[in-house]
Amino acid sequence: MSRTAGAPAAPAAPAVPAVPAVPAVPAAPAAPAAVSPALGALAAPAGLTAALLAGCATGRPAAPPSLGLDAALTSPTDVTLRWMGPAPGAAGWSVEYATDPRGPFTVLRFLPLAQTTFRHENLMPDTAFAYRVRPFRGPASRPVEVVLPDGPSNDDDRPWAAPRTVAQQAVATASVRDPAAAPTDLRATVMDPGAIRFTWTDHAGDEDGFLFEVRPAGAAEFAVTAVLDPDVNSFGYVILPAERRATYRVRAFSYGTPSNIAHETTGAAR
C-alpha cells in the first residue's frame, strides 16, 4: 500500500538477528515389530501401514494395497504370515514363497478364505525368504463321493492318470467370474483299489487352471491336492489312506492381484 503524500516516513524497524539453525536430531532406530502370541489378535500388516505412511509423507492420502501381508519370525526357523485386505469374489488364498524376491514363487498352500494366517515351519537357518499371498476365484463343480473297495493298490505305471485334454462336445464358455464357468459332468471311475480317474466338461474360457479338491470322510472342508493346467478335463488321482471314502470336486480358477512381498530371514541353527 502507498504512503499518504506529505506524511513523514516511519523509522525502519531494527533488523532481527537470524536464529541459528537447530541441528537435525538423528532418528531413533525403528523398534522391531512385536508378534502377538495370539494369532487372532491381528494388527494392520506392515505392507498396509507403509502405504498409509507414504501418503502422509507426500501430504496426500495414498491408496493402500488391496492386500497387506506381514511376515515375522516366531522362532529362529519358523515364520508366521498374517494378511488382511479385501478380496471380492475370492474362494480362497494361495500362499507362496521364494528365496529370491524376483521369483519364481512356489505355492506353499491353498487356504480357505476365512484363514488369514499361516506358519511356515522348520526352515533352513540363515536364509532369506520372500512371501506373497494371492486370492483365487472361480466356481467349483458339484461334488462326487467315492468309496473305494478293499484290496491292494496297483503300483504299476498308470498311463491313464496323466492330466490331459480329451475331446468334448462343444459348449458355451464363460469367465471364471461367472458361475456358468463351473465344470460339469464330473465323473469318477475307480481304476484300482488305490486310484481313480476323474473326467469333466470344461466351461471356462479364461482359467489359469483347475484345482482338484478333496474332502475325506469326517473332514470339515475341502483341501486342494492338485493344480492342473488350463483346458485339462481328465486326471488320475492316487488316494491317501484317509481318502478311501472321500468327496471330490474340481474348480476352474484364476489368480487375483498379489499382496506386497514380505521379507524375513531365519536365524542361526540351534
Protein backbone atom coordinates (compact mmCIF):
# COMPACT_ATOMS: atom_id res chain seq x y z
CA MET A 1 0.00 0.00 0.00
CA SER A 2 1.42 3.55 -0.85
CA ARG A 3 2.00 6.27 1.90
CA THR A 4 -0.13 9.47 2.10
CA ALA A 5 1.67 12.42 0.47
CA GLY A 6 3.47 14.70 2.93
CA ALA A 7 3.40 12.30 5.94
CA PRO A 8 6.82 11.58 7.48
CA ALA A 9 8.04 8.07 6.93
CA ALA A 10 8.07 5.74 9.96
CA PRO A 11 11.57 4.85 11.17
CA ALA A 12 12.77 1.48 9.94
CA ALA A 13 12.50 -1.37 12.46
CA PRO A 14 15.84 -2.73 13.66
CA ALA A 15 16.90 -5.91 11.94
CA VAL A 16 16.16 -9.09 13.89
CA PRO A 17 19.24 -11.27 14.16
CA ALA A 18 18.91 -14.61 12.39
CA VAL A 19 18.11 -17.59 14.62
CA PRO A 20 20.85 -20.18 14.27
CA ALA A 21 19.68 -23.41 12.63
CA VAL A 22 18.78 -26.19 15.04
CA PRO A 23 20.92 -29.25 14.30
CA ALA A 24 18.93 -32.20 12.99
CA VAL A 25 18.17 -34.83 15.60
CA PRO A 26 19.04 -38.29 14.30
CA ALA A 27 16.02 -40.56 14.02
CA ALA A 28 15.74 -43.29 16.57
CA PRO A 29 16.12 -46.78 15.11
CA ALA A 30 12.82 -48.47 14.41
CA ALA A 31 11.75 -50.92 17.07
CA PRO A 32 11.28 -54.49 15.87
CA ALA A 33 7.68 -55.47 15.23
CA ALA A 34 6.13 -57.24 18.18
CA VAL A 35 4.48 -60.53 17.44
CA SER A 36 1.26 -61.14 19.30
CA PRO A 37 1.16 -64.63 20.78
CA ALA A 38 -2.50 -64.87 19.79
CA LEU A 39 -2.82 -65.37 16.05
CA GLY A 40 -6.35 -64.00 16.21
CA ALA A 41 -5.13 -60.61 17.59
CA LEU A 42 -4.33 -59.09 14.22
CA ALA A 43 -2.69 -55.68 13.74
CA ALA A 44 -2.54 -54.00 10.34
CA PRO A 45 0.20 -55.75 8.34
CA ALA A 46 3.34 -53.69 7.69
CA GLY A 47 2.71 -53.63 3.94
CA LEU A 48 -0.59 -51.85 4.52
CA THR A 49 0.83 -49.47 7.15
CA ALA A 50 3.76 -48.48 4.92
CA ALA A 51 1.41 -47.35 2.18
CA LEU A 52 -0.56 -45.18 4.60
CA LEU A 53 2.64 -43.57 5.93
CA ALA A 54 3.76 -42.87 2.37
CA GLY A 55 0.59 -40.84 1.89
CA CYS A 56 1.42 -38.75 4.98
CA ALA A 57 4.94 -38.03 3.68
CA THR A 58 3.62 -36.65 0.39
CA GLY A 59 0.82 -34.63 2.00
CA ARG A 60 -1.92 -36.53 0.22
CA PRO A 61 -3.61 -39.84 1.03
CA ALA A 62 -2.13 -42.86 -0.69
CA ALA A 63 -4.29 -45.71 -1.89
CA PRO A 64 -3.36 -48.71 0.29
CA PRO A 65 -2.65 -52.02 -1.42
CA SER A 66 -5.67 -54.22 -1.78
CA LEU A 67 -3.92 -56.90 0.27
CA GLY A 68 -1.35 -56.26 3.01
CA LEU A 69 1.00 -59.04 4.15
CA ASP A 70 3.36 -59.18 7.14
CA ALA A 71 5.99 -61.82 7.93
CA ALA A 72 7.59 -62.28 11.37
CA LEU A 73 9.92 -64.83 12.94
CA THR A 74 8.21 -66.74 15.71
CA SER A 75 11.27 -68.94 16.28
CA PRO A 76 14.69 -68.94 14.60
CA THR A 77 13.39 -71.25 11.86
CA ASP A 78 9.62 -70.55 11.81
CA VAL A 79 7.93 -67.64 10.01
CA THR A 80 4.33 -66.60 10.70
CA LEU A 81 2.44 -64.79 7.94
CA ARG A 82 -0.56 -62.54 8.54
CA TRP A 83 -2.56 -60.66 5.94
CA MET A 84 -5.65 -58.52 5.59
CA GLY A 85 -7.46 -56.75 2.82
CA PRO A 86 -10.49 -57.09 0.57
CA ALA A 87 -10.74 -59.91 -1.94
CA PRO A 88 -14.16 -59.55 -3.59
CA GLY A 89 -15.46 -62.79 -5.04
CA ALA A 90 -12.46 -64.82 -3.87
CA ALA A 91 -12.78 -68.50 -3.00
CA GLY A 92 -9.52 -68.71 -1.02
CA TRP A 93 -5.83 -67.80 -0.82
CA SER A 94 -2.66 -69.02 -2.48
CA VAL A 95 0.27 -68.62 -0.04
CA GLU A 96 3.59 -68.54 -1.88
CA TYR A 97 7.30 -68.20 -1.12
CA ALA A 98 10.64 -67.74 -2.88
CA THR A 99 14.27 -67.40 -1.84
CA ASP A 100 14.66 -64.56 -4.35
CA PRO A 101 12.09 -61.72 -4.21
CA ARG A 102 12.12 -61.68 -8.02
CA GLY A 103 10.79 -65.24 -8.00
CA PRO A 104 9.88 -67.74 -9.12
CA PHE A 105 7.38 -68.21 -6.30
CA THR A 106 6.24 -71.65 -5.16
CA VAL A 107 2.81 -72.35 -3.69
CA LEU A 108 3.02 -73.38 -0.05
CA ARG A 109 -0.67 -73.99 0.47
CA PHE A 110 -4.11 -73.11 -0.85
CA LEU A 111 -6.19 -71.93 2.10
CA PRO A 112 -9.89 -71.23 2.70
CA LEU A 113 -10.98 -67.60 2.54
CA ALA A 114 -11.62 -67.38 6.30
CA GLN A 115 -7.99 -68.20 7.14
CA THR A 116 -5.64 -65.20 7.16
CA THR A 117 -2.58 -66.61 8.95
CA PHE A 118 -0.08 -69.28 8.02
CA ARG A 119 3.02 -70.67 9.78
CA HIS A 120 5.95 -71.74 7.59
CA GLU A 121 7.91 -74.12 9.80
CA ASN A 122 11.31 -75.83 10.07
CA LEU A 123 13.07 -73.60 7.56
CA MET A 124 16.72 -73.57 6.57
CA PRO A 125 18.71 -71.39 9.02
CA ASP A 126 20.33 -68.10 7.97
CA THR A 127 18.25 -67.90 4.80
CA ALA A 128 16.26 -65.01 3.34
CA PHE A 129 12.68 -65.76 2.32
CA ALA A 130 10.18 -63.70 0.35
CA TYR A 131 6.43 -64.27 0.66
CA ARG A 132 3.29 -63.17 -1.11
CA VAL A 133 -0.41 -64.07 -0.95
CA ARG A 134 -2.80 -64.14 -3.90
CA PRO A 135 -6.56 -64.57 -3.80
CA PHE A 136 -8.01 -67.08 -6.19
CA ARG A 137 -11.54 -67.20 -7.53
CA GLY A 138 -13.69 -69.43 -9.67
CA PRO A 139 -16.66 -71.79 -9.45
CA ALA A 140 -16.43 -75.45 -8.45
CA SER A 141 -18.21 -78.46 -9.87
CA ARG A 142 -20.82 -80.41 -7.98
CA PRO A 143 -19.03 -82.84 -5.66
CA VAL A 144 -18.96 -86.59 -6.13
CA GLU A 145 -18.42 -89.12 -3.35
CA VAL A 146 -16.27 -92.19 -3.95
CA VAL A 147 -15.93 -95.25 -1.71
CA LEU A 148 -13.06 -97.47 -2.79
CA PRO A 149 -13.14 -101.23 -2.41
CA ASP A 150 -10.72 -103.02 -0.15
CA GLY A 151 -7.70 -104.55 -1.80
CA PRO A 152 -4.09 -103.82 -2.69
CA SER A 153 -3.34 -100.81 -4.84
CA ASN A 154 -1.82 -101.36 -8.25
CA ASP A 155 1.54 -99.61 -8.05
CA ASP A 156 2.37 -100.25 -11.70
CA ASP A 157 2.67 -97.39 -14.15
CA ARG A 158 -0.70 -95.72 -14.77
CA PRO A 159 -0.58 -94.13 -18.22
CA TRP A 160 -4.25 -93.11 -17.96
CA ALA A 161 -3.53 -90.94 -14.89
CA ALA A 162 -1.58 -88.13 -16.58
CA PRO A 163 -3.53 -84.84 -16.75
CA ARG A 164 -4.77 -84.35 -20.29
CA THR A 165 -7.34 -82.70 -22.51
CA VAL A 166 -9.77 -85.12 -24.08
CA ALA A 167 -12.23 -84.23 -26.82
CA GLN A 168 -15.56 -82.98 -25.52
CA GLN A 169 -18.75 -81.78 -27.13
CA ALA A 170 -18.65 -78.07 -27.98
CA VAL A 171 -20.14 -75.98 -25.16
CA ALA A 172 -20.51 -72.29 -24.40
CA THR A 173 -17.68 -70.90 -22.26
CA ALA A 174 -17.70 -68.19 -19.61
CA SER A 175 -15.29 -66.22 -17.45
CA VAL A 176 -14.32 -67.80 -14.15
CA ARG A 177 -16.04 -64.82 -12.51
CA ASP A 178 -19.30 -66.30 -13.79
CA PRO A 179 -20.88 -69.33 -12.08
CA ALA A 180 -21.56 -70.70 -15.58
CA ALA A 181 -17.82 -71.49 -15.85
CA ALA A 182 -18.11 -74.27 -13.26
CA PRO A 183 -17.07 -77.70 -14.56
CA THR A 184 -20.00 -80.06 -15.12
CA ASP A 185 -20.48 -83.82 -15.52
CA LEU A 186 -17.73 -84.68 -13.04
CA ARG A 187 -17.35 -88.45 -13.19
CA ALA A 188 -15.19 -90.76 -11.08
CA THR A 189 -14.06 -94.13 -12.43
CA VAL A 190 -12.33 -96.48 -9.98
CA MET A 191 -9.34 -97.88 -11.86
CA ASP A 192 -7.98 -99.97 -8.97
CA PRO A 193 -8.41 -100.01 -5.16
CA GLY A 194 -6.00 -97.08 -4.81
CA ALA A 195 -6.62 -94.88 -7.82
CA ILE A 196 -9.48 -93.03 -9.50
CA ARG A 197 -9.80 -91.38 -12.90
CA PHE A 198 -11.82 -88.16 -12.99
CA THR A 199 -13.26 -86.53 -16.11
CA TRP A 200 -15.40 -83.40 -16.51
CA THR A 201 -16.72 -80.91 -19.05
CA ASP A 202 -14.80 -77.65 -19.20
CA HIS A 203 -16.91 -74.46 -19.45
CA ALA A 204 -14.23 -71.87 -18.57
CA GLY A 205 -12.77 -69.55 -21.16
CA ASP A 206 -10.12 -67.68 -19.17
CA GLU A 207 -8.96 -70.00 -16.40
CA ASP A 208 -5.41 -70.10 -15.03
CA GLY A 209 -6.06 -73.79 -14.44
CA PHE A 210 -8.12 -76.19 -12.36
CA LEU A 211 -7.89 -77.01 -8.67
CA PHE A 212 -8.59 -80.60 -7.67
CA GLU A 213 -10.11 -80.64 -4.19
CA VAL A 214 -10.67 -83.49 -1.73
CA ARG A 215 -12.67 -83.78 1.48
CA PRO A 216 -12.06 -87.08 3.29
CA ALA A 217 -14.96 -88.55 5.25
CA GLY A 218 -15.30 -86.65 8.51
CA ALA A 219 -13.33 -83.59 7.36
CA ALA A 220 -14.98 -80.17 7.62
CA GLU A 221 -13.56 -78.58 4.47
CA PHE A 222 -12.17 -79.39 1.05
CA ALA A 223 -8.40 -79.17 0.55
CA VAL A 224 -6.58 -78.57 -2.74
CA THR A 225 -4.44 -81.59 -3.60
CA ALA A 226 -3.52 -80.87 -7.23
CA VAL A 227 -3.20 -77.88 -9.57
CA LEU A 228 -3.93 -78.66 -13.21
CA ASP A 229 -3.22 -76.70 -16.40
CA PRO A 230 -5.87 -74.81 -18.38
CA ASP A 231 -8.13 -76.94 -20.61
CA VAL A 232 -7.38 -80.18 -18.72
CA ASN A 233 -10.50 -82.31 -18.29
CA SER A 234 -9.09 -85.72 -17.34
CA PHE A 235 -6.94 -86.56 -14.32
CA GLY A 236 -5.93 -89.67 -12.40
CA TYR A 237 -5.68 -89.44 -8.63
CA VAL A 238 -3.86 -91.87 -6.31
CA ILE A 239 -5.50 -91.72 -2.90
CA LEU A 240 -4.02 -91.38 0.56
CA PRO A 241 -5.07 -93.90 3.23
CA ALA A 242 -7.54 -91.44 4.78
CA GLU A 243 -9.24 -90.91 1.42
CA ARG A 244 -10.65 -94.39 0.89
CA ARG A 245 -14.00 -92.73 1.38
CA ALA A 246 -13.98 -89.10 0.26
CA THR A 247 -15.78 -86.39 -1.67
CA TYR A 248 -14.15 -84.73 -4.68
CA ARG A 249 -14.71 -81.64 -6.82
CA VAL A 250 -12.90 -79.62 -9.50
CA ARG A 251 -12.67 -75.82 -9.62
CA ALA A 252 -11.90 -73.62 -12.63
CA PHE A 253 -9.87 -70.76 -11.19
CA SER A 254 -7.82 -67.65 -11.79
CA TYR A 255 -5.45 -65.73 -9.55
CA GLY A 256 -6.16 -62.23 -8.29
CA THR A 257 -3.79 -59.34 -7.60
CA PRO A 258 -0.97 -60.39 -5.25
CA SER A 259 -0.15 -58.76 -1.94
CA ASN A 260 3.03 -56.84 -1.25
CA ILE A 261 6.12 -59.04 -0.91
CA ALA A 262 7.08 -59.60 2.72
CA HIS A 263 10.66 -60.47 3.65
CA GLU A 264 12.10 -62.41 6.58
CA THR A 265 15.46 -64.03 7.30
CA THR A 266 15.74 -67.06 9.54
CA GLY A 267 18.12 -67.19 12.47
CA ALA A 268 21.13 -69.34 13.20
CA ALA A 269 20.73 -73.06 13.73
CA ARG A 270 20.48 -74.13 17.35
